[in-house]
Protein backbone atom coordinates (compact mmCIF):
# COMPACT_ATOMS: atom_id res chain seq x y z
CA MET A 1 16.78 -5.17 -0.42
CA ASP A 2 15.72 -5.46 -4.07
CA ASP A 3 13.30 -3.14 -5.86
CA LEU A 4 10.33 -5.48 -5.42
CA GLN A 5 10.91 -5.57 -1.67
CA LYS A 6 11.21 -1.77 -1.63
CA SER A 7 7.92 -1.47 -3.52
CA GLU A 8 6.26 -3.86 -1.09
CA LEU A 9 7.48 -1.85 1.89
CA VAL A 10 6.43 1.51 0.42
CA ILE A 11 2.97 0.16 -0.46
CA SER A 12 2.51 -1.27 3.02
CA LYS A 13 3.62 2.00 4.67
CA ILE A 14 1.17 3.97 2.51
CA LEU A 15 -1.68 1.59 3.30
CA SER A 16 -0.90 1.52 7.02
CA LEU A 17 -1.05 5.31 7.22
CA VAL A 18 -4.21 5.62 5.16
CA ILE A 19 -5.91 2.88 7.20
CA SER A 20 -5.03 4.63 10.45
CA TRP A 21 -6.25 8.02 9.16
CA GLY A 22 -9.67 6.77 8.10
CA ILE A 23 -11.72 9.02 5.87
CA GLN A 24 -10.67 12.60 6.48
CA SER A 25 -8.99 15.52 4.78
CA SER A 26 -5.24 14.98 4.88
CA ASP A 27 -2.05 15.17 2.84
CA LEU A 28 0.39 12.30 2.54
CA LYS A 29 4.06 13.11 1.99
CA PHE A 30 6.95 10.72 1.47
CA GLU A 31 8.55 11.83 4.75
CA GLU A 32 5.60 10.41 6.69
CA LEU A 33 6.57 6.91 5.60
CA GLU A 34 9.72 7.22 7.76
CA LEU A 35 11.91 5.57 5.13
CA ASP A 36 15.35 6.59 3.93
CA GLN A 37 15.83 8.49 0.68
CA SER A 38 16.50 5.33 -1.34
CA TYR A 39 12.74 4.70 -1.27
CA LYS A 40 11.72 8.16 -2.47
CA THR A 41 11.55 7.26 -6.17
CA PHE A 42 9.07 4.47 -5.33
CA PHE A 43 6.57 6.73 -3.54
CA ILE A 44 4.59 8.27 -6.42
CA PRO A 45 4.64 5.12 -8.61
CA CYS A 46 3.32 3.05 -5.68
CA VAL A 47 0.56 5.58 -4.96
CA ARG A 48 -0.40 5.62 -8.64
CA TRP A 49 -0.41 1.81 -8.73
CA LEU A 50 -2.68 1.63 -5.67
CA CYS A 51 -5.02 4.18 -7.27
CA ASP A 52 -4.97 2.40 -10.64
CA GLU A 53 -5.81 -0.89 -8.92
CA GLY A 54 -8.78 0.78 -7.20
CA VAL A 55 -7.44 0.35 -3.66
CA LEU A 56 -6.89 4.08 -3.01
CA ARG A 57 -8.52 7.27 -4.17
CA ALA A 58 -6.77 10.63 -4.00
CA LEU A 59 -8.00 14.10 -4.84
CA LYS A 60 -4.61 15.00 -6.32
CA ILE A 61 -1.20 13.41 -6.79
CA HIS A 62 1.44 16.12 -6.96
CA THR A 63 4.94 15.03 -7.98
CA LEU A 64 7.83 17.11 -6.67
CA ALA A 65 11.03 17.70 -8.63
CA SER A 66 12.95 16.17 -5.71
CA GLY A 67 11.36 12.80 -6.44
CA GLY A 68 8.80 12.77 -3.66
CA GLY A 69 5.34 14.19 -3.75
CA ILE A 70 2.20 15.20 -1.94
CA ILE A 71 -0.97 13.14 -2.12
CA THR A 72 -4.08 15.18 -1.31
CA ASN A 73 -6.85 13.37 0.57
CA PRO A 74 -5.74 9.75 0.09
CA VAL A 75 -8.39 7.30 1.32
CA LEU A 76 -9.15 3.65 0.92
CA THR A 77 -11.94 3.03 -1.55
CA SER A 78 -14.82 0.76 -0.53
CA TYR A 79 -13.01 -1.98 -2.46
CA GLY A 80 -9.81 -1.18 -0.58
CA MET A 81 -11.64 -1.41 2.75
CA ASN A 82 -13.15 -4.71 1.73
CA LEU A 83 -9.75 -5.95 0.60
CA MET A 84 -8.12 -5.14 3.96
CA GLY A 85 -10.65 -7.45 5.62
CA GLU A 86 -10.08 -10.32 3.16
CA THR A 87 -8.30 -13.43 4.36
CA ILE A 88 -5.57 -14.36 1.92
CA GLN A 89 -3.10 -17.21 1.66
CA LEU A 90 0.46 -15.98 2.21
CA GLY A 91 2.89 -18.84 1.93
CA ASN A 92 1.68 -21.49 4.37
CA GLU A 93 -0.42 -19.07 6.41
CA ALA A 94 -3.83 -17.52 5.93
CA GLU A 95 -4.25 -14.05 7.39
CA LYS A 96 -6.15 -10.84 6.88
CA MET A 97 -4.63 -8.45 4.36
CA ALA A 98 -4.61 -5.65 6.96
CA THR A 99 -2.49 -7.86 9.24
CA ALA A 100 -0.06 -8.62 6.41
CA VAL A 101 0.15 -4.90 5.58
CA GLY A 102 0.99 -4.14 9.22
CA LYS A 103 3.68 -6.83 9.34
CA VAL A 104 5.36 -5.59 6.17
CA SER A 105 5.09 -1.94 7.24
CA SER A 106 6.73 -2.64 10.61
CA GLY A 107 9.53 -4.66 8.99
CA GLU A 108 8.37 -7.83 10.71
CA ARG A 109 7.82 -9.71 7.45
CA SER A 110 8.52 -9.61 3.72
CA TYR A 111 6.42 -11.56 1.27
CA SER A 112 7.99 -10.28 -1.94
CA GLN A 113 10.38 -13.19 -2.43
CA THR A 114 7.44 -15.45 -3.23
CA GLY A 115 5.27 -12.75 -4.77
CA ASP A 116 2.68 -13.44 -2.07
CA PHE A 117 2.08 -9.89 -0.83
CA LEU A 118 1.49 -8.10 -4.13
CA GLY A 119 -0.11 -11.21 -5.59
CA GLY A 120 -2.34 -11.48 -2.53
CA LEU A 121 -3.22 -7.81 -2.80
CA LEU A 122 -4.28 -8.24 -6.41
CA GLY A 123 -5.89 -11.62 -5.82
CA GLY A 124 -7.83 -10.29 -2.84
CA PHE A 125 -8.87 -7.28 -4.85
CA THR A 126 -10.05 -9.48 -7.70
CA LYS A 127 -11.90 -11.71 -5.24
CA SER A 128 -13.58 -8.68 -3.62
CA LEU A 129 -14.79 -7.52 -7.04
CA GLY A 130 -16.16 -10.94 -7.89
CA THR A 131 -18.27 -11.38 -4.77
């Protein structure tokens, strides 16, 4: 698995958890992603990327010396919620972003080879801002 695929998987795991938690007070730790240690260095950068893109909001992002971290109160923003409901084109299929996130998170599918997942995430986000 290359680094882009690892990033895709970490992002989808983060989003899947945050979607399932809804809007509540919670802490997200790397261990909750249920991934091996080779993914640990991707955790904080992926959270920061999601926050920078406006998909997530977090009260605090605390980096640990061990490479992981603790994210205090991560929630989808209104844009992130809208994005999860967007239908996007992934390869030859159109599906909701939330469905694609679930497929990647469960290991059922990888879109990174064509750039469809991250491109769809950004494209869907841009589309949600424009409407």
